[in-house]
Protein backbone atom coordinates (compact mmCIF):
# COMPACT_ATOMS: atom_id res chain seq x y z
CA MET A 1 89.23 94.69 82.29
CA HIS A 2 89.66 96.21 85.75
CA TYR A 3 92.63 95.09 87.86
CA LEU A 4 92.20 96.91 91.17
CA ASP A 5 89.02 96.17 93.08
CA TRP A 6 88.14 99.78 93.81
CA ALA A 7 85.32 98.91 96.21
CA LYS A 8 87.59 96.79 98.42
CA LEU A 9 90.30 99.41 98.34
CA ALA A 10 87.83 102.13 99.37
CA ALA A 11 86.51 99.92 102.19
CA LEU A 12 89.88 99.80 103.99
CA ASP A 13 89.57 101.66 107.30
CA PRO A 14 92.23 104.39 107.75
CA GLU A 15 91.77 104.56 111.52
CA ALA A 16 92.22 100.83 111.98
CA TYR A 17 95.18 100.90 109.63
CA GLN A 18 96.93 103.74 111.47
CA ALA A 19 96.31 102.05 114.83
CA ARG A 20 97.98 98.79 113.79
CA LYS A 21 101.14 97.87 115.70
CA PRO A 22 104.10 98.00 115.49
CA PHE A 23 103.43 100.27 112.48
CA PRO A 24 100.51 100.62 110.06
CA TRP A 25 100.12 97.51 107.90
CA LEU A 26 97.46 95.41 106.23
CA ASN A 27 97.56 92.05 104.42
CA PRO A 28 94.25 92.00 102.54
CA GLU A 29 93.05 89.39 100.08
CA GLY A 30 91.46 90.33 96.79
CA LEU A 31 92.53 93.93 96.20
CA LEU A 32 92.95 92.75 92.63
CA THR A 33 89.97 91.38 90.76
CA ALA A 34 90.12 87.61 90.17
CA GLU A 35 90.31 88.11 86.40
CA GLY A 36 92.92 90.83 86.72
CA TYR A 37 95.13 88.79 89.03
CA GLU A 38 95.01 85.80 86.69
CA ALA A 39 95.93 87.93 83.67
CA LEU A 40 98.89 89.48 85.50
CA TYR A 41 100.03 86.10 86.84
CA LEU A 42 100.01 84.56 83.37
CA ASN A 43 101.94 87.49 81.90
CA LEU A 44 104.68 88.08 84.46
CA PRO A 45 107.91 89.49 82.97
CA ASP A 46 110.53 86.86 82.26
CA VAL A 47 113.53 86.79 84.58
CA SER A 48 115.87 87.02 81.58
CA ARG A 49 115.07 90.76 81.50
CA PHE A 50 115.97 91.32 85.16
CA LYS A 51 119.15 92.66 86.71
CA ARG A 52 121.11 90.42 89.08
CA GLU A 53 121.56 92.01 92.50
CA PHE A 54 123.62 89.63 94.59
CA GLY A 55 126.22 90.39 97.23
CA VAL A 56 125.41 94.11 97.32
CA ASP A 57 126.66 95.70 100.56
CA ARG A 58 124.00 97.21 102.80
CA THR A 59 124.10 99.73 105.62
CA ALA A 60 125.42 98.80 109.08
CA GLY A 61 126.47 95.29 108.10
CA GLN A 62 123.01 94.03 107.13
CA ARG A 63 123.09 90.91 104.97
CA PRO A 64 122.67 91.47 101.21
CA HIS A 65 119.16 91.30 99.74
CA ASP A 66 119.98 88.88 96.93
CA ARG A 67 117.44 88.83 94.08
CA TYR A 68 116.68 89.63 90.47
CA THR A 69 115.13 93.07 89.93
CA LEU A 70 113.30 94.87 87.16
CA GLN A 71 112.66 98.59 87.57
CA TYR A 72 109.66 100.00 85.74
CA ARG A 73 110.16 102.92 83.38
CA SER A 74 107.69 104.45 80.98
CA ASP A 75 109.49 102.75 78.08
CA THR A 76 109.69 99.30 79.73
CA PRO A 77 108.21 96.77 77.25
CA LEU A 78 105.38 94.90 78.98
CA PRO A 79 102.47 92.65 78.02
CA GLY A 80 99.08 94.34 77.70
CA PRO A 81 97.71 93.36 81.14
CA TRP A 82 100.72 94.86 82.93
CA ARG A 83 100.55 98.08 80.89
CA GLU A 84 96.86 98.41 81.79
CA PHE A 85 97.51 97.64 85.47
CA LEU A 86 100.28 100.24 85.65
CA GLU A 87 97.89 102.84 84.28
CA GLU A 88 95.47 102.08 87.12
CA LEU A 89 98.29 102.36 89.66
CA LYS A 90 99.34 105.73 88.23
CA SER A 91 95.77 107.03 88.42
CA GLU A 92 94.64 109.71 90.86
CA CYS A 93 92.09 107.22 92.27
CA TYR A 94 94.80 104.85 93.49
CA LYS A 95 96.97 107.67 94.80
CA HIS A 96 93.97 109.11 96.64
CA ALA A 97 93.31 105.73 98.29
CA LEU A 98 96.92 105.55 99.49
CA CYS A 99 96.88 109.14 100.74
CA ARG A 100 93.66 108.44 102.63
CA LEU A 101 95.19 105.44 104.41
CA ALA A 102 98.56 107.05 105.13
CA GLY A 103 97.09 110.40 106.17
CA VAL A 104 99.08 112.50 103.71
CA ARG A 105 98.10 115.00 101.02
CA ASN A 106 100.44 113.87 98.29
CA LEU A 107 102.88 111.13 97.41
CA GLU A 108 104.99 109.80 94.55
CA LEU A 109 105.09 106.25 93.24
CA ASN A 110 107.56 104.04 91.48
CA PHE A 111 107.37 100.35 90.65
CA HIS A 112 109.55 97.27 90.42
CA TRP A 113 109.49 93.48 90.32
CA HIS A 114 111.63 91.26 92.57
CA TYR A 115 112.21 87.55 91.90
CA THR A 116 114.07 85.71 94.68
CA PRO A 117 115.62 82.24 94.21
CA ASN A 118 116.42 79.47 96.67
CA GLY A 119 118.77 80.30 99.53
CA CYS A 120 118.20 84.07 99.41
CA SER A 121 116.55 86.31 101.97
CA VAL A 122 115.69 89.89 102.83
CA SER A 123 117.44 90.65 106.09
CA PRO A 124 115.58 92.73 108.72
CA HIS A 125 115.69 96.39 107.78
CA CYS A 126 113.89 99.72 107.95
CA ASP A 127 113.30 101.53 104.68
CA SER A 128 114.93 104.85 103.87
CA THR A 129 113.42 108.08 105.14
CA ARG A 130 112.40 108.96 101.58
CA LYS A 131 109.95 106.07 101.52
CA LEU A 132 106.50 106.47 102.98
CA GLY A 133 105.72 102.79 102.56
CA SER A 134 105.14 99.97 100.10
CA HIS A 135 102.32 97.98 98.55
CA ILE A 136 103.59 94.47 97.78
CA PHE A 137 101.59 92.22 95.45
CA TYR A 138 102.42 88.50 95.70
CA PHE A 139 102.53 86.40 92.53
CA ASN A 140 103.09 82.86 93.74
CA THR A 141 100.08 80.57 93.87
CA GLU A 142 99.27 77.03 94.95
CA LYS A 143 99.99 76.01 91.35
CA ASP A 144 103.69 76.82 91.65
CA TRP A 145 104.55 77.30 95.33
CA LYS A 146 104.35 75.45 98.63
CA PRO A 147 103.90 77.38 101.90
CA GLU A 148 106.87 75.62 103.49
CA TRP A 149 109.15 77.23 100.92
CA GLY A 150 108.61 80.59 102.63
CA GLY A 151 108.39 83.97 100.92
CA GLU A 152 106.21 85.75 103.48
CA THR A 153 107.05 89.31 104.42
CA VAL A 154 107.64 89.30 108.18
CA VAL A 155 106.55 92.33 110.23
CA LEU A 156 108.97 92.68 113.15
CA ASP A 157 108.60 94.48 116.48
CA ASP A 158 111.62 95.56 118.52
CA HIS A 159 109.67 97.94 120.81
CA GLY A 160 112.11 100.64 119.77
CA ARG A 161 115.24 98.84 120.96
CA PHE A 162 117.29 98.88 117.75
CA ASP A 163 118.77 101.75 115.82
CA ALA A 164 117.35 101.80 112.29
CA LYS A 165 120.93 101.70 111.00
CA SER A 166 121.83 98.43 112.68
CA ALA A 167 121.75 94.74 111.70
CA PRO A 168 119.65 92.63 114.10
CA THR A 169 118.70 89.09 113.12
CA PHE A 170 115.14 87.76 112.99
CA ASP A 171 115.60 85.95 116.31
CA GLU A 172 116.46 89.17 118.16
CA PHE A 173 113.02 90.76 117.73
CA ASP A 174 110.34 90.64 120.41
CA SER A 175 107.68 89.47 117.97
CA ALA A 176 107.33 88.55 114.32
CA GLU A 177 104.14 88.25 112.27
CA ALA A 178 104.27 86.78 108.78
CA SER A 179 102.03 87.91 105.96
CA VAL A 180 99.98 85.58 103.79
CA ALA A 181 101.95 85.53 100.55
CA LEU A 182 100.09 83.07 98.31
CA GLY A 183 97.58 83.97 95.65
CA ASN A 184 95.72 87.26 95.48
CA HIS A 185 97.11 88.75 98.68
CA SER A 186 99.04 91.97 99.07
CA LEU A 187 100.85 93.72 101.91
CA LEU A 188 100.47 97.45 102.42
CA PHE A 189 102.47 99.27 105.07
CA THR A 190 103.48 102.79 106.06
CA ARG A 191 106.97 103.48 107.32
CA ARG A 192 107.51 104.68 110.87
CA GLY A 193 110.80 105.18 112.70
CA ASN A 194 111.35 101.48 113.39
CA SER A 195 109.32 99.80 110.66
CA TRP A 196 111.38 96.61 110.67
CA HIS A 197 110.49 93.91 108.16
CA GLY A 198 112.16 91.21 106.09
CA VAL A 199 111.83 87.84 104.37
CA ARG A 200 113.36 84.70 105.86
CA GLU A 201 115.59 82.53 103.70
CA ILE A 202 113.73 81.01 100.75
CA ARG A 203 113.74 77.20 100.67
CA CYS A 204 112.38 76.29 97.25
CA PRO A 205 113.65 73.97 94.49
CA ASP A 206 116.20 75.40 92.09
CA GLY A 207 114.43 77.12 89.23
CA ASP A 208 111.50 78.29 91.36
CA MET A 209 111.41 81.85 92.70
CA ARG A 210 109.45 84.11 95.01
CA ARG A 211 107.81 86.66 92.73
CA VAL A 212 106.49 90.02 93.89
CA PHE A 213 105.54 93.32 92.31
CA ILE A 214 106.09 96.34 94.55
CA VAL A 215 104.56 99.79 94.51
CA VAL A 216 107.09 101.99 96.29
CA ILE A 217 105.29 104.86 98.01
CA ASN A 218 107.56 107.89 98.36
CA ARG A 219 107.10 111.13 100.21
CA ALA A 220 106.43 114.10 97.97
CA ASP A 221 108.07 116.48 100.46
CA PRO A 222 111.10 118.21 98.80
CA LEU A 223 113.02 118.43 102.10
CA THR A 224 112.70 114.68 102.66
CA ARG A 225 113.88 114.06 99.11
CA LEU A 226 116.94 116.29 99.72
CA ARG A 227 117.74 114.48 102.95
CA ALA A 228 117.63 111.13 101.17
CA VAL A 229 120.09 112.39 98.52
CA LEU A 230 122.44 113.80 101.16
CA SER A 231 122.25 110.61 103.20
CA ARG A 232 123.25 108.49 100.21
CA LYS A 233 126.25 110.78 99.72
CA GLY A 234 127.17 110.69 103.41
CA LEU A 235 126.50 114.41 103.78
CA GLU A 236 123.34 114.51 105.90
CA ARG A 237 123.80 116.58 109.07
CA TYR A 238 120.21 116.79 110.30
């Protein structure tokens, strides 16, 4: 079985992507094959294996991003469909497609799942300088989720007004555009200086959760990696 629809991925236009405002982003439908999406949906990892991340302090007074997380490692036990999908994501074909869109020669990937329960949110933020972007796959469908419960990633535009290390609220941005987050949709974006995004507070019944799988796209540049390490230690002087 194939999971990524290689033809649709190859058809994405790099020029249109790079020209998108306020930073490059796309919210395509069907980058996974219908059969592949269904297999992954039916075999999602159980939340009992996830780490609780609640009340974790963030930079500049931003609100915590409360959720359950599972970080992928090569020895992470997974059902067959997810093991096969990860192999496609680690392939040179997928990396080449991302490089083509982002306009870079090389990149590094890591992967994780986030499950977000009722009352939690992802406050507006810009990703770290190490990150080149993300590819977010949504795994809620009409079978288990209602649109009014939320869960959309919101692309925010401040026209450069806010420092990336600040804590504006959703209402302070000049514009906000929400992704489609149901079914076989994904969100792909490339980080720029003020690539603000977030998820408004989830309003779902207890026991339900927003479920996403995220490909984290990192810069392969050693200097950028060093800066990220120094920044985490409070030592960056660039």
